[in-house]
PDB file of N, CA and C in Angstrom:
ATOM      1  N   MET A   1     -18.813   7.044 -23.289  1.00  0.00           N
ATOM      2  CA  MET A   1     -17.799   7.277 -22.833  1.00  0.00           C
ATOM      3  C   MET A   1     -18.348   8.442 -21.509  1.00  0.00           C
ATOM      4  N   LYS A   2     -19.500   8.712 -22.034  1.00  0.00           N
ATOM      5  CA  LYS A   2     -19.834   9.266 -20.377  1.00  0.00           C
ATOM      6  C   LYS A   2     -19.620   8.345 -19.206  1.00  0.00           C
ATOM      7  N   SER A   3     -19.633   7.093 -19.266  1.00  0.00           N
ATOM      8  CA  SER A   3     -20.196   5.927 -18.409  1.00  0.00           C
ATOM      9  C   SER A   3     -18.447   5.625 -17.401  1.00  0.00           C
ATOM     10  N   ILE A   4     -17.736   5.929 -18.585  1.00  0.00           N
ATOM     11  CA  ILE A   4     -15.882   5.961 -18.115  1.00  0.00           C
ATOM     12  C   ILE A   4     -16.179   6.686 -17.526  1.00  0.00           C
ATOM     13  N   LEU A   5     -15.955   8.373 -18.375  1.00  0.00           N
ATOM     14  CA  LEU A   5     -15.703   9.345 -17.369  1.00  0.00           C
ATOM     15  C   LEU A   5     -16.517   9.564 -15.826  1.00  0.00           C
ATOM     16  N   LEU A   6     -17.549   8.877 -15.653  1.00  0.00           N
ATOM     17  CA  LEU A   6     -18.269   8.406 -14.244  1.00  0.00           C
ATOM     18  C   LEU A   6     -16.999   7.288 -13.387  1.00  0.00           C
ATOM     19  N   VAL A   7     -17.001   6.314 -13.902  1.00  0.00           N
ATOM     20  CA  VAL A   7     -16.373   5.651 -13.010  1.00  0.00           C
ATOM     21  C   VAL A   7     -15.249   5.087 -12.773  1.00  0.00           C
ATOM     22  N   ILE A   8     -13.999   6.537 -13.815  1.00  0.00           N
ATOM     23  CA  ILE A   8     -12.491   7.382 -13.274  1.00  0.00           C
ATOM     24  C   ILE A   8     -13.425   8.254 -12.497  1.00  0.00           C
ATOM     25  N   SER A   9     -13.680   8.793 -12.464  1.00  0.00           N
ATOM     26  CA  SER A   9     -13.924   9.983 -11.211  1.00  0.00           C
ATOM     27  C   SER A   9     -14.569   9.756  -9.893  1.00  0.00           C
ATOM     28  N   VAL A  10     -15.357   8.682 -10.113  1.00  0.00           N
ATOM     29  CA  VAL A  10     -15.579   7.400  -9.142  1.00  0.00           C
ATOM     30  C   VAL A  10     -14.379   7.271  -8.104  1.00  0.00           C
ATOM     31  N   ALA A  11     -13.665   6.439  -8.849  1.00  0.00           N
ATOM     32  CA  ALA A  11     -12.263   6.201  -8.194  1.00  0.00           C
ATOM     33  C   ALA A  11     -11.415   7.124  -7.962  1.00  0.00           C
ATOM     34  N   LEU A  12     -11.438   8.069  -8.611  1.00  0.00           N
ATOM     35  CA  LEU A  12     -10.192   9.160  -7.915  1.00  0.00           C
ATOM     36  C   LEU A  12     -10.895   9.476  -6.548  1.00  0.00           C
ATOM     37  N   ALA A  13     -12.431  10.112  -6.422  1.00  0.00           N
ATOM     38  CA  ALA A  13     -13.028  10.576  -5.210  1.00  0.00           C
ATOM     39  C   ALA A  13     -12.912   9.456  -4.494  1.00  0.00           C
ATOM     40  N   SER A  14     -13.006   8.084  -4.552  1.00  0.00           N
ATOM     41  CA  SER A  14     -12.866   7.149  -3.319  1.00  0.00           C
ATOM     42  C   SER A  14     -11.498   6.948  -2.726  1.00  0.00           C
ATOM     43  N   ALA A  15     -10.485   7.147  -3.758  1.00  0.00           N
ATOM     44  CA  ALA A  15      -8.763   6.975  -3.303  1.00  0.00           C
ATOM     45  C   ALA A  15      -8.861   8.404  -3.047  1.00  0.00           C
ATOM     46  N   ALA A  16      -9.096   9.405  -2.784  1.00  0.00           N
ATOM     47  CA  ALA A  16      -9.002  11.257  -2.520  1.00  0.00           C
ATOM     48  C   ALA A  16      -9.188  10.776  -0.849  1.00  0.00           C
ATOM     49  N   VAL A  17     -10.381   9.804  -0.519  1.00  0.00           N
ATOM     50  CA  VAL A  17     -10.678  10.134   0.742  1.00  0.00           C
ATOM     51  C   VAL A  17     -10.161   8.815   2.005  1.00  0.00           C
ATOM     52  N   ALA A  18      -9.668   8.256   1.160  1.00  0.00           N
ATOM     53  CA  ALA A  18      -8.667   6.756   1.626  1.00  0.00           C
ATOM     54  C   ALA A  18      -7.698   7.377   2.663  1.00  0.00           C
ATOM     55  N   ALA A  19      -7.477   6.683   4.151  1.00  0.00           N
ATOM     56  CA  ALA A  19      -6.614   6.785   4.850  1.00  0.00           C
ATOM     57  C   ALA A  19      -5.640   6.127   5.310  1.00  0.00           C
ATOM     58  N   PRO A  20      -4.726   6.350   5.626  1.00  0.00           N
ATOM     59  CA  PRO A  20      -3.661   5.017   6.025  1.00  0.00           C
ATOM     60  C   PRO A  20      -3.857   4.376   6.931  1.00  0.00           C
ATOM     61  N   ALA A  21      -3.367   3.275   7.195  1.00  0.00           N
ATOM     62  CA  ALA A  21      -4.028   2.296   8.087  1.00  0.00           C
ATOM     63  C   ALA A  21      -3.317   2.792   9.289  1.00  0.00           C
ATOM     64  N   PRO A  22      -3.772   2.610  10.692  1.00  0.00           N
ATOM     65  CA  PRO A  22      -3.596   3.230  12.336  1.00  0.00           C
ATOM     66  C   PRO A  22      -2.043   1.686  12.911  1.00  0.00           C
ATOM     67  N   TRP A  23      -1.450   2.625  13.625  1.00  0.00           N
ATOM     68  CA  TRP A  23      -0.376   2.001  13.932  1.00  0.00           C
ATOM     69  C   TRP A  23      -0.692   1.587  15.683  1.00  0.00           C
ATOM     70  N   TYR A  24      -0.218   0.124  16.113  1.00  0.00           N
ATOM     71  CA  TYR A  24      -0.449  -0.014  17.667  1.00  0.00           C
ATOM     72  C   TYR A  24       0.637  -0.315  17.949  1.00  0.00           C
ATOM     73  N   GLN A  25       0.820  -0.405  19.328  1.00  0.00           N
ATOM     74  CA  GLN A  25       1.584  -0.793  20.215  1.00  0.00           C
ATOM     75  C   GLN A  25       0.905  -2.547  20.550  1.00  0.00           C
ATOM     76  N   TRP A  26       2.599  -3.246  20.487  1.00  0.00           N
ATOM     77  CA  TRP A  26       2.291  -4.983  20.488  1.00  0.00           C
ATOM     78  C   TRP A  26       3.795  -4.950  21.674  1.00  0.00           C
ATOM     79  N   ARG A  27       3.155  -6.180  22.764  1.00  0.00           N
ATOM     80  CA  ARG A  27       3.770  -6.727  23.529  1.00  0.00           C
ATOM     81  C   ARG A  27       3.856  -8.106  23.603  1.00  0.00           C
ATOM     82  N   SER A  28       5.525  -8.011  23.878  1.00  0.00           N
ATOM     83  CA  SER A  28       5.821  -9.846  23.340  1.00  0.00           C
ATOM     84  C   SER A  28       5.559 -10.556  24.219  1.00  0.00           C
ATOM     85  N   THR A  29       4.994 -11.515  24.403  1.00  0.00           N
ATOM     86  CA  THR A  29       4.916 -12.225  25.324  1.00  0.00           C
ATOM     87  C   THR A  29       5.502 -13.264  26.174  1.00  0.00           C
ATOM     88  N   ALA A  30       7.084 -13.104  25.535  1.00  0.00           N
ATOM     89  CA  ALA A  30       8.300 -13.719  25.995  1.00  0.00           C
ATOM     90  C   ALA A  30       8.925 -13.391  27.034  1.00  0.00           C
ATOM     91  N   ASN A  31       9.279 -11.593  26.617  1.00  0.00           N
ATOM     92  CA  ASN A  31       9.899 -10.852  27.407  1.00  0.00           C
ATOM     93  C   ASN A  31       9.367  -9.332  27.405  1.00  0.00           C
ATOM     94  N   GLY A  32       8.534  -9.208  27.303  1.00  0.00           N
ATOM     95  CA  GLY A  32       7.681  -8.090  27.541  1.00  0.00           C
ATOM     96  C   GLY A  32       7.826  -6.301  26.616  1.00  0.00           C
ATOM     97  N   ALA A  33       8.801  -6.711  25.445  1.00  0.00           N
ATOM     98  CA  ALA A  33       9.372  -5.654  24.756  1.00  0.00           C
ATOM     99  C   ALA A  33       8.078  -5.321  23.852  1.00  0.00           C
ATOM    100  N   ILE A  34       7.994  -3.880  23.857  1.00  0.00           N
ATOM    101  CA  ILE A  34       7.318  -3.508  23.001  1.00  0.00           C
ATOM    102  C   ILE A  34       7.568  -2.766  21.760  1.00  0.00           C
ATOM    103  N   ALA A  35       6.502  -3.081  20.442  1.00  0.00           N
ATOM    104  CA  ALA A  35       6.812  -2.655  19.690  1.00  0.00           C
ATOM    105  C   ALA A  35       5.984  -1.350  18.765  1.00  0.00           C
ATOM    106  N   CYS A  36       6.205  -0.796  17.364  1.00  0.00           N
ATOM    107  CA  CYS A  36       4.847   0.105  16.997  1.00  0.00           C
ATOM    108  C   CYS A  36       4.945  -0.938  15.712  1.00  0.00           C
ATOM    109  N   SER A  37       3.934  -1.339  15.227  1.00  0.00           N
ATOM    110  CA  SER A  37       3.725  -2.123  13.956  1.00  0.00           C
ATOM    111  C   SER A  37       1.811  -1.372  13.764  1.00  0.00           C
ATOM    112  N   GLN A  38       2.054  -1.685  12.098  1.00  0.00           N
ATOM    113  CA  GLN A  38       0.651  -1.134  11.985  1.00  0.00           C
ATOM    114  C   GLN A  38      -0.360  -2.959  11.605  1.00  0.00           C
ATOM    115  N   THR A  39       0.795  -3.954  11.465  1.00  0.00           N
ATOM    116  CA  THR A  39       0.165  -5.187  11.407  1.00  0.00           C
ATOM    117  C   THR A  39       0.879  -6.406  12.431  1.00  0.00           C
ATOM    118  N   PRO A  40      -0.087  -6.764  12.911  1.00  0.00           N
ATOM    119  CA  PRO A  40       0.929  -8.146  13.966  1.00  0.00           C
ATOM    120  C   PRO A  40       1.515  -8.990  13.449  1.00  0.00           C
ATOM    121  N   LEU A  41       2.729  -8.741  15.029  1.00  0.00           N
ATOM    122  CA  LEU A  41       3.740  -9.223  14.331  1.00  0.00           C
ATOM    123  C   LEU A  41       4.145 -10.972  14.816  1.00  0.00           C
ATOM    124  N   GLY A  42       3.480 -11.011  15.215  1.00  0.00           N
ATOM    125  CA  GLY A  42       3.254 -12.757  14.536  1.00  0.00           C
ATOM    126  C   GLY A  42       3.126 -13.584  16.053  1.00  0.00           C
ATOM    127  N   GLU A  43       3.232 -14.708  16.119  1.00  0.00           N
ATOM    128  CA  GLU A  43       3.044 -15.613  17.455  1.00  0.00           C
ATOM    129  C   GLU A  43       4.040 -14.946  18.892  1.00  0.00           C
ATOM    130  N   GLY A  44       3.695 -14.752  19.434  1.00  0.00           N
ATOM    131  CA  GLY A  44       3.888 -14.394  20.652  1.00  0.00           C
ATOM    132  C   GLY A  44       3.905 -12.918  20.687  1.00  0.00           C
ATOM    133  N   TRP A  45       3.083 -11.903  20.244  1.00  0.00           N
ATOM    134  CA  TRP A  45       3.360 -10.818  20.187  1.00  0.00           C
ATOM    135  C   TRP A  45       1.689 -10.025  21.084  1.00  0.00           C
ATOM    136  N   GLN A  46       1.250  -9.567  21.661  1.00  0.00           N
ATOM    137  CA  GLN A  46      -0.470  -9.265  22.173  1.00  0.00           C
ATOM    138  C   GLN A  46      -0.107  -7.854  21.679  1.00  0.00           C
ATOM    139  N   LYS A  47      -1.521  -7.258  21.032  1.00  0.00           N
ATOM    140  CA  LYS A  47      -1.750  -6.193  21.389  1.00  0.00           C
ATOM    141  C   LYS A  47      -2.072  -5.231  22.571  1.00  0.00           C
ATOM    142  N   SER A  48      -1.309  -4.134  22.516  1.00  0.00           N
ATOM    143  CA  SER A  48      -1.099  -3.878  23.827  1.00  0.00           C
ATOM    144  C   SER A  48      -1.762  -2.079  24.492  1.00  0.00           C
ATOM    145  N   SER A  49      -2.276  -0.895  23.344  1.00  0.00           N
ATOM    146  CA  SER A  49      -2.636  -0.004  22.919  1.00  0.00           C
ATOM    147  C   SER A  49      -2.887   0.442  21.482  1.00  0.00           C
ATOM    148  N   GLY A  50      -3.654   1.276  21.137  1.00  0.00           N
ATOM    149  CA  GLY A  50      -3.548   1.757  20.200  1.00  0.00           C
ATOM    150  C   GLY A  50      -5.076   2.556  19.942  1.00  0.00           C
ATOM    151  N   PRO A  51      -5.591   2.739  18.772  1.00  0.00           N
ATOM    152  CA  PRO A  51      -4.792   3.246  17.519  1.00  0.00           C
ATOM    153  C   PRO A  51      -3.536   4.464  17.783  1.00  0.00           C
ATOM    154  N   TYR A  52      -2.888   4.385  16.845  1.00  0.00           N
ATOM    155  CA  TYR A  52      -2.319   5.796  16.587  1.00  0.00           C
ATOM    156  C   TYR A  52      -1.991   6.136  15.581  1.00  0.00           C
ATOM    157  N   LYS A  53      -1.501   7.784  15.378  1.00  0.00           N
ATOM    158  CA  LYS A  53      -1.694   8.371  13.937  1.00  0.00           C
ATOM    159  C   LYS A  53      -0.021   7.962  13.041  1.00  0.00           C
ATOM    160  N   ASP A  54       1.349   7.535  14.083  1.00  0.00           N
ATOM    161  CA  ASP A  54       2.062   7.440  13.332  1.00  0.00           C
ATOM    162  C   ASP A  54       3.168   6.476  13.962  1.00  0.00           C
ATOM    163  N   ALA A  55       3.964   6.596  13.377  1.00  0.00           N
ATOM    164  CA  ALA A  55       5.355   5.116  13.449  1.00  0.00           C
ATOM    165  C   ALA A  55       5.524   4.875  14.771  1.00  0.00           C
ATOM    166  N   ARG A  56       5.930   6.057  15.362  1.00  0.00           N
ATOM    167  CA  ARG A  56       6.393   5.699  16.968  1.00  0.00           C
ATOM    168  C   ARG A  56       5.398   5.910  18.407  1.00  0.00           C
ATOM    169  N   CYS A  57       4.359   5.488  17.636  1.00  0.00           N
ATOM    170  CA  CYS A  57       3.107   5.065  18.551  1.00  0.00           C
ATOM    171  C   CYS A  57       3.233   6.193  19.738  1.00  0.00           C
ATOM    172  N   GLU A  58       2.969   8.001  19.404  1.00  0.00           N
ATOM    173  CA  GLU A  58       2.696   8.746  20.492  1.00  0.00           C
ATOM    174  C   GLU A  58       1.328   9.929  19.967  1.00  0.00           C
ATOM    175  N   LYS A  59       1.009   9.523  18.578  1.00  0.00           N
ATOM    176  CA  LYS A  59      -0.074  10.726  18.064  1.00  0.00           C
ATOM    177  C   LYS A  59      -1.124   9.313  18.991  1.00  0.00           C
ATOM    178  N   ARG A  60      -2.275   9.233  19.362  1.00  0.00           N
ATOM    179  CA  ARG A  60      -3.115   8.960  19.705  1.00  0.00           C
ATOM    180  C   ARG A  60      -4.022   9.433  18.604  1.00  0.00           C
ATOM    181  N   ILE A  61      -5.007   8.521  18.017  1.00  0.00           N
ATOM    182  CA  ILE A  61      -6.693   8.611  16.947  1.00  0.00           C
ATOM    183  C   ILE A  61      -7.466   8.726  18.234  1.00  0.00           C
ATOM    184  N   VAL A  62      -8.175   9.688  18.124  1.00  0.00           N
ATOM    185  CA  VAL A  62      -9.480   9.729  19.027  1.00  0.00           C
ATOM    186  C   VAL A  62     -10.344   9.593  18.120  1.00  0.00           C
ATOM    187  N   VAL A  63     -11.182   8.499  18.873  1.00  0.00           N
ATOM    188  CA  VAL A  63     -11.904   7.659  18.347  1.00  0.00           C
ATOM    189  C   VAL A  63     -13.553   8.251  19.289  1.00  0.00           C
ATOM    190  N   LYS A  64     -14.697   8.364  18.084  1.00  0.00           N
ATOM    191  CA  LYS A  64     -15.939   8.696  18.531  1.00  0.00           C
ATOM    192  C   LYS A  64     -16.769   7.956  18.590  1.00  0.00           C
TER     193      LYS A  64
END
């Protein structure tokens, strides 16, 4: 019983510190268009800048 409670408490504690994925600006190699996404947009897109906290790519994440 104690081991089950330990496993549950460890699982809950690790979920509590999980952070959302960062956002990045992506630039199209075809026409230079810019998009904000957490994942690569596919062939023809290159990571332009980031990481950002928000979906509009306005609030940069300060990396130490």
